[in-house]
Amino acid sequence: GKTQFFEGGTRVPFLMRVPGEATPPRVDQVVSSLDLYPTLAALAGAELRETVDGVDLSPLLRGDDGSIPGRTLFWENRRYVLSSLREVRPSPVIGATSPIDHGTDYGAIDETGRWRYAYEVGTESLLDLEADATGSTNVLREHPERVAELVARIEAWAFETESIPVRIDASGGASWDGEVARFNGAGRIEMSGWDVLRTPGGGSWALSLGVERKGASLAAEPLVAQLGAFSLFWDDTGKLKWRIGEELLEADWPTSEGCHGVLVTAIHERRRRAPHVLYGLFVDGAPATIRRGSELLDPPDIGEPTVIGSGGALHGRILRPVILNTPLLGSTAAKRLAEEACAPPRGEAI
């Protein structure tokens, strides 16, 4: 059907003819409606000045099917209805939750057009379209390696497309090199721009960063805050706490030195009967606290910057801070973000 990612929902024959050109050959290759814009531009002799997601299919009209790059195609469908909100359930194959479990369906087909993966309303499917072109046979359990590979590609695609391109500036003694922020008890890092998406309260939101806390004492230290919206900090017992709205989530801070991945994520949805509010705090990919809230967040000024090291007492490094416009309440996504945040910076030895 229209909102499904199986063969009947996404695959149709594509017929194309260009006046004045020879009849194009029949080509067995997966293409997308995203390809129409760059194809029509090429046929019209127009130059694209921006980067687009599709590819130019005009070589196919000349029978040159080897010139089209293979790529994985992705689909996503968010279901904003109460019945779709369900507990995060692990995959029966890879034993981990998917990147965007709450109210979202998604799917992918690989570059060969043979393997299609779909996650719909809590149900997973893997289709081998070479063995069964109708897509009616689920071979999920027979090919766990294909499932893991396609899920990983979906996660990478989701992180890339949902990351918010905020501006990051350092001041007061802190430094920022595009990947790592350094603090020595003074200064701050400000994340600004994209105010509606950068500020929690308007739908799905997540903040991820790697934290190397130098000389982790029991002194209270601020980590990240946005005035009127939230604050993430260590209290005087060494616990990491996240205050957002009327809620206070907490996590034990690891005793080991080195980098630790921190993820906070929120869902705020307006619904007819009652708002849906959900918060999660993760450390090193493990959920410390996941809690339902009762009220929507309504910050007085979404233009306030998101500030790292706001109190000037932070010592250490903050690696790869990123804000995403998606809920990340599954363990697979949290672990992936923690690993990416704490990977050695470019030029550093492992």
Protein backbone atom coordinates (compact mmCIF):
# COMPACT_ATOMS: atom_id res chain seq x y z
CA GLY A 1 0.00 0.00 0.00
CA LYS A 2 0.85 3.69 -0.12
CA THR A 3 2.58 3.92 3.27
CA GLN A 4 4.36 0.56 3.16
CA PHE A 5 7.90 -0.21 2.06
CA PHE A 6 7.28 -3.51 0.31
CA GLU A 7 7.20 -4.05 -3.44
CA GLY A 8 3.63 -2.84 -3.92
CA GLY A 9 4.30 0.31 -1.95
CA THR A 10 7.53 1.54 -3.51
CA ARG A 11 8.38 -0.24 -6.77
CA VAL A 12 6.66 0.61 -10.05
CA PRO A 13 7.83 0.50 -13.67
CA PHE A 14 9.42 3.73 -14.84
CA LEU A 15 8.81 4.69 -18.48
CA MET A 16 10.71 7.54 -20.09
CA ARG A 17 10.95 8.85 -23.65
CA VAL A 18 12.72 11.92 -24.95
CA PRO A 19 11.35 13.52 -28.14
CA GLY A 20 13.81 13.33 -30.99
CA GLU A 21 15.85 10.59 -29.34
CA ALA A 22 15.99 6.91 -30.22
CA THR A 23 13.74 4.55 -28.27
CA PRO A 24 15.64 3.86 -25.04
CA PRO A 25 16.44 0.27 -24.09
CA ARG A 26 14.90 -1.70 -21.25
CA VAL A 27 17.04 -1.43 -18.12
CA ASP A 28 16.84 -3.57 -15.00
CA GLN A 29 18.06 -1.13 -12.36
CA VAL A 30 16.67 0.50 -9.25
CA VAL A 31 16.11 4.24 -9.62
CA SER A 32 14.19 6.78 -7.59
CA SER A 33 11.84 9.71 -8.14
CA LEU A 34 14.66 11.77 -6.63
CA ASP A 35 16.47 11.21 -9.92
CA LEU A 36 13.92 13.09 -12.02
CA TYR A 37 15.21 16.58 -11.23
CA PRO A 38 18.88 16.02 -12.13
CA THR A 39 17.85 13.95 -15.16
CA LEU A 40 15.53 16.62 -16.58
CA ALA A 41 18.15 19.28 -15.86
CA ALA A 42 20.77 17.30 -17.81
CA LEU A 43 18.44 16.74 -20.76
CA ALA A 44 17.63 20.46 -20.84
CA GLY A 45 21.30 21.38 -20.70
CA ALA A 46 20.88 23.15 -17.35
CA GLU A 47 23.67 23.23 -14.81
CA LEU A 48 22.85 22.28 -11.22
CA ARG A 49 24.40 24.76 -8.82
CA GLU A 50 23.43 22.86 -5.69
CA THR A 51 23.98 19.35 -4.40
CA VAL A 52 20.97 17.09 -4.92
CA ASP A 53 20.11 13.63 -3.64
CA GLY A 54 19.26 12.11 -7.02
CA VAL A 55 21.47 11.13 -9.94
CA ASP A 56 21.31 11.89 -13.65
CA LEU A 57 19.64 8.98 -15.48
CA SER A 58 20.14 10.33 -19.00
CA PRO A 59 22.99 7.83 -19.73
CA LEU A 60 20.42 5.04 -19.33
CA LEU A 61 18.53 6.47 -22.29
CA ARG A 62 21.61 5.77 -24.39
CA GLY A 63 21.96 2.23 -23.07
CA ASP A 64 24.89 3.01 -20.78
CA ASP A 65 23.63 1.34 -17.59
CA GLY A 66 27.12 1.06 -16.11
CA SER A 67 27.44 4.80 -15.57
CA ILE A 68 24.81 5.04 -12.83
CA PRO A 69 26.38 4.62 -9.39
CA GLY A 70 24.95 1.97 -7.13
CA ARG A 71 23.43 3.37 -3.94
CA THR A 72 21.23 2.24 -1.10
CA LEU A 73 17.79 3.87 -1.16
CA PHE A 74 15.96 4.71 2.08
CA TRP A 75 12.39 5.37 3.18
CA GLU A 76 10.93 6.74 6.41
CA ASN A 77 7.36 7.19 7.61
CA ARG A 78 6.54 8.74 10.99
CA ARG A 79 3.29 7.62 12.57
CA TYR A 80 2.11 10.33 14.96
CA VAL A 81 -0.75 8.37 16.51
CA LEU A 82 -1.13 7.08 20.04
CA SER A 83 -1.52 3.43 19.02
CA SER A 84 1.87 3.47 17.33
CA LEU A 85 3.76 4.37 20.50
CA ARG A 86 5.03 1.10 21.88
CA GLU A 87 7.82 -0.10 24.07
CA VAL A 88 11.23 -0.37 22.45
CA ARG A 89 11.47 -4.01 21.40
CA PRO A 90 14.69 -5.74 20.36
CA SER A 91 15.23 -7.15 16.93
CA PRO A 92 14.82 -10.96 16.96
CA VAL A 93 17.90 -11.24 14.77
CA ILE A 94 20.55 -8.77 15.89
CA GLY A 95 19.35 -8.42 19.48
CA ALA A 96 19.30 -4.64 19.50
CA THR A 97 16.75 -1.91 19.09
CA SER A 98 16.46 0.12 15.95
CA PRO A 99 17.58 3.78 15.65
CA ILE A 100 14.17 5.40 15.64
CA ASP A 101 11.75 2.97 17.26
CA HIS A 102 9.02 5.24 18.52
CA GLY A 103 6.34 5.87 15.91
CA THR A 104 8.60 5.55 12.88
CA ASP A 105 8.66 3.00 10.07
CA TYR A 106 11.64 2.80 7.77
CA GLY A 107 13.13 0.68 5.04
CA ALA A 108 16.00 0.32 2.62
CA ILE A 109 16.91 -1.50 -0.57
CA ASP A 110 20.57 -2.15 -1.35
CA GLU A 111 22.51 -1.03 -4.42
CA THR A 112 21.93 -4.32 -6.23
CA GLY A 113 18.14 -4.15 -5.87
CA ARG A 114 18.19 -7.64 -4.38
CA TRP A 115 17.89 -7.07 -0.63
CA ARG A 116 15.06 -5.04 0.88
CA TYR A 117 14.72 -4.47 4.63
CA ALA A 118 11.62 -2.98 6.27
CA TYR A 119 10.60 -2.14 9.84
CA GLU A 120 6.88 -1.43 10.07
CA VAL A 121 4.77 -1.12 13.22
CA GLY A 122 7.26 -3.17 15.22
CA THR A 123 7.66 -5.91 12.59
CA GLU A 124 10.89 -6.56 10.67
CA SER A 125 11.18 -8.08 7.21
CA LEU A 126 14.07 -8.96 4.91
CA LEU A 127 13.20 -9.78 1.31
CA ASP A 128 15.42 -11.51 -1.24
CA LEU A 129 13.94 -10.11 -4.46
CA GLU A 130 16.22 -12.22 -6.60
CA ALA A 131 14.76 -15.41 -5.16
CA ASP A 132 11.20 -14.08 -4.90
CA ALA A 133 10.41 -11.03 -7.02
CA THR A 134 6.96 -10.65 -5.42
CA GLY A 135 8.55 -9.82 -2.06
CA SER A 136 6.22 -12.16 -0.18
CA THR A 137 8.87 -14.30 1.57
CA ASN A 138 10.49 -13.03 4.75
CA VAL A 139 14.06 -14.40 5.01
CA LEU A 140 15.01 -12.34 8.06
CA ARG A 141 16.26 -15.24 10.17
CA GLU A 142 18.19 -16.86 7.34
CA HIS A 143 20.35 -13.78 6.68
CA PRO A 144 21.13 -11.93 9.94
CA GLU A 145 24.26 -10.43 8.41
CA ARG A 146 22.18 -8.68 5.73
CA VAL A 147 19.82 -7.33 8.40
CA ALA A 148 22.70 -5.94 10.47
CA GLU A 149 24.28 -4.34 7.40
CA LEU A 150 21.10 -2.62 6.21
CA VAL A 151 20.15 -1.46 9.72
CA ALA A 152 23.62 0.07 10.08
CA ARG A 153 23.16 1.90 6.76
CA ILE A 154 19.75 3.19 7.87
CA GLU A 155 21.24 4.46 11.12
CA ALA A 156 24.05 6.26 9.31
CA TRP A 157 21.56 7.80 6.89
CA ALA A 158 19.24 8.87 9.72
CA PHE A 159 22.09 10.50 11.67
CA GLU A 160 23.31 12.32 8.56
CA THR A 161 19.91 13.65 7.53
CA GLU A 162 18.70 14.52 11.05
CA SER A 163 21.84 16.33 12.30
CA ILE A 164 21.22 20.06 12.72
CA PRO A 165 23.98 22.25 11.18
CA VAL A 166 24.35 24.65 14.10
CA ARG A 167 27.03 27.31 14.35
CA ILE A 168 29.68 26.66 17.04
CA ASP A 169 31.79 29.48 18.56
CA ALA A 170 34.35 29.48 21.40
CA SER A 171 35.04 32.34 23.81
CA GLY A 172 36.64 33.20 27.15
CA GLY A 173 39.59 30.82 26.97
CA ALA A 174 37.84 27.76 25.56
CA SER A 175 38.90 26.56 22.12
CA TRP A 176 37.14 24.77 19.26
CA ASP A 177 38.88 23.16 16.27
CA GLY A 178 35.79 21.91 14.44
CA GLU A 179 35.84 18.58 16.22
CA VAL A 180 37.05 19.06 19.82
CA ALA A 181 36.35 21.76 22.41
CA ARG A 182 38.99 22.24 25.13
CA PHE A 183 38.39 23.75 28.56
CA ASN A 184 40.74 24.63 31.41
CA GLY A 185 38.37 26.01 34.01
CA ALA A 186 37.30 28.98 31.89
CA GLY A 187 35.42 29.85 28.72
CA ARG A 188 32.41 28.46 26.91
CA ILE A 189 31.24 27.05 23.60
CA GLU A 190 28.03 28.39 22.08
CA MET A 191 25.85 26.47 19.63
CA SER A 192 23.44 28.78 17.80
CA GLY A 193 21.18 29.02 14.77
CA TRP A 194 18.35 26.73 13.71
CA ASP A 195 16.59 27.80 16.92
CA VAL A 196 13.34 25.86 16.46
CA LEU A 197 15.08 22.55 15.80
CA ARG A 198 18.02 23.18 18.15
CA THR A 199 15.73 23.75 21.15
CA PRO A 200 13.89 20.80 22.74
CA GLY A 201 10.13 21.08 22.93
CA GLY A 202 9.04 21.11 19.29
CA GLY A 203 8.91 17.40 18.50
CA SER A 204 11.83 14.97 18.54
CA TRP A 205 15.25 16.11 19.76
CA ALA A 206 18.59 14.66 20.87
CA LEU A 207 21.99 15.95 21.97
CA SER A 208 25.11 13.77 21.82
CA LEU A 209 28.69 14.52 22.84
CA GLY A 210 31.86 12.84 24.03
CA VAL A 211 33.15 13.95 27.42
CA GLU A 212 36.72 13.72 28.74
CA ARG A 213 36.56 15.16 32.24
CA LYS A 214 40.03 16.03 33.52
CA GLY A 215 40.59 15.40 37.23
CA ALA A 216 36.98 14.38 37.75
CA SER A 217 36.47 15.63 41.29
CA LEU A 218 33.25 15.62 43.26
CA ALA A 219 32.87 19.33 42.64
CA ALA A 220 29.71 20.40 40.86
CA GLU A 221 30.38 21.33 37.25
CA PRO A 222 28.09 22.46 34.41
CA LEU A 223 28.23 20.54 31.15
CA VAL A 224 25.58 21.86 28.74
CA ALA A 225 22.67 24.26 29.23
CA GLN A 226 20.16 26.34 27.31
CA LEU A 227 18.54 29.09 29.36
CA GLY A 228 14.87 28.36 29.98
CA ALA A 229 15.06 24.92 28.33
CA PHE A 230 17.42 22.49 30.08
CA SER A 231 20.67 22.03 31.98
CA LEU A 232 23.03 19.04 32.07
CA PHE A 233 25.51 19.05 34.96
CA TRP A 234 27.40 17.09 37.58
CA ASP A 235 26.21 17.60 41.16
CA ASP A 236 28.50 17.70 44.21
CA THR A 237 28.29 13.91 44.58
CA GLY A 238 29.61 13.31 41.05
CA LYS A 239 26.30 12.22 39.54
CA LEU A 240 25.39 13.47 36.07
CA LYS A 241 21.97 15.12 36.13
CA TRP A 242 19.70 16.48 33.41
CA ARG A 243 17.01 18.96 34.35
CA ILE A 244 14.44 19.59 31.62
CA GLY A 245 11.07 21.13 32.33
CA GLU A 246 9.80 19.69 35.61
CA GLU A 247 11.86 16.51 35.29
CA LEU A 248 15.25 15.60 36.75
CA LEU A 249 17.04 12.57 35.29
CA GLU A 250 20.32 11.26 36.67
CA ALA A 251 23.12 8.81 35.92
CA ASP A 252 26.14 7.49 37.78
CA TRP A 253 29.29 8.84 36.16
CA PRO A 254 31.84 6.14 35.17
CA THR A 255 34.88 5.86 37.42
CA SER A 256 37.19 5.08 34.50
CA GLU A 257 39.16 7.83 32.82
CA GLY A 258 38.98 8.67 29.14
CA CYS A 259 36.08 9.65 26.93
CA HIS A 260 32.48 8.78 27.79
CA GLY A 261 29.57 9.26 25.41
CA VAL A 262 26.60 11.24 26.74
CA LEU A 263 23.21 11.31 25.03
CA VAL A 264 20.06 13.12 26.13
CA THR A 265 16.93 12.77 24.03
CA ALA A 266 13.37 14.06 24.22
CA ILE A 267 10.02 13.67 22.51
CA HIS A 268 7.34 16.37 22.84
CA GLU A 269 4.17 15.74 20.84
CA ARG A 270 0.83 17.54 21.05
CA ARG A 271 -2.13 15.16 21.02
CA ARG A 272 -5.84 15.63 21.43
CA ARG A 273 -6.27 13.89 24.78
CA ALA A 274 -2.92 14.45 26.43
CA PRO A 275 0.57 15.43 25.31
CA HIS A 276 3.14 12.72 24.77
CA VAL A 277 6.41 13.54 26.53
CA LEU A 278 9.34 11.17 26.92
CA TYR A 279 12.94 11.74 28.08
CA GLY A 280 16.07 9.58 28.01
CA LEU A 281 19.56 9.93 29.49
CA PHE A 282 22.31 7.58 28.28
CA VAL A 283 25.97 7.19 29.25
CA ASP A 284 28.28 5.15 27.01
CA GLY A 285 25.25 3.88 25.09
CA ALA A 286 23.50 2.45 28.15
CA PRO A 287 20.17 3.91 29.33
CA ALA A 288 20.53 5.48 32.78
CA THR A 289 17.01 6.91 32.97
CA ILE A 290 14.05 6.82 30.58
CA ARG A 291 11.00 8.60 31.89
CA ARG A 292 7.65 9.90 30.74
CA GLY A 293 6.90 13.55 31.36
CA SER A 294 3.53 15.17 31.92
CA GLU A 295 3.82 18.58 30.28
CA LEU A 296 5.11 19.95 26.99
CA LEU A 297 8.23 22.08 27.20
CA ASP A 298 7.69 25.73 26.27
CA PRO A 299 10.99 27.65 26.55
CA PRO A 300 10.47 31.41 26.88
CA ASP A 301 13.13 32.23 24.27
CA ILE A 302 14.26 29.60 21.77
CA GLY A 303 16.89 32.03 20.52
CA GLU A 304 19.04 31.43 23.59
CA PRO A 305 22.26 29.62 22.60
CA THR A 306 23.05 26.09 23.69
CA VAL A 307 26.12 26.56 25.88
CA ILE A 308 28.81 24.03 26.78
CA GLY A 309 30.82 24.87 29.90
CA SER A 310 28.44 27.66 30.83
CA GLY A 311 29.74 28.13 34.38
CA GLY A 312 33.41 28.45 33.48
CA ALA A 313 34.41 25.55 35.76
CA LEU A 314 34.73 22.77 33.19
CA HIS A 315 38.10 21.02 32.81
CA GLY A 316 38.80 18.66 29.92
CA ARG A 317 37.59 18.09 26.38
CA ILE A 318 34.20 17.85 24.70
CA LEU A 319 34.23 15.86 21.46
CA ARG A 320 31.84 16.13 18.50
CA PRO A 321 28.77 17.78 20.04
CA VAL A 322 25.79 17.23 17.75
CA ILE A 323 22.07 18.02 17.98
CA LEU A 324 19.66 15.84 16.02
CA ASN A 325 16.03 16.26 15.06
CA THR A 326 15.05 12.70 15.94
CA PRO A 327 14.28 10.64 19.05
CA LEU A 328 17.05 8.19 19.92
CA LEU A 329 15.66 5.86 22.56
CA GLY A 330 17.09 2.60 21.24
CA SER A 331 20.30 1.05 22.52
CA THR A 332 21.78 0.54 19.04
CA ALA A 333 21.60 4.24 18.20
CA ALA A 334 22.87 5.31 21.63
CA LYS A 335 25.88 2.99 21.42
CA ARG A 336 26.68 4.12 17.91
CA LEU A 337 26.60 7.78 18.89
CA ALA A 338 28.78 7.12 21.95
CA GLU A 339 31.35 5.33 19.79
CA GLU A 340 31.36 8.08 17.18
CA ALA A 341 31.59 10.85 19.77
CA CYS A 342 34.57 9.22 21.52
CA ALA A 343 36.49 8.08 18.45
CA PRO A 344 40.04 9.54 18.42
CA PRO A 345 40.11 12.97 16.77
CA ARG A 346 41.77 13.22 13.38
CA GLY A 347 45.54 13.11 13.73
CA GLU A 348 45.51 11.42 17.13
CA ALA A 349 46.77 7.87 17.64
CA ILE A 350 44.30 5.27 18.85
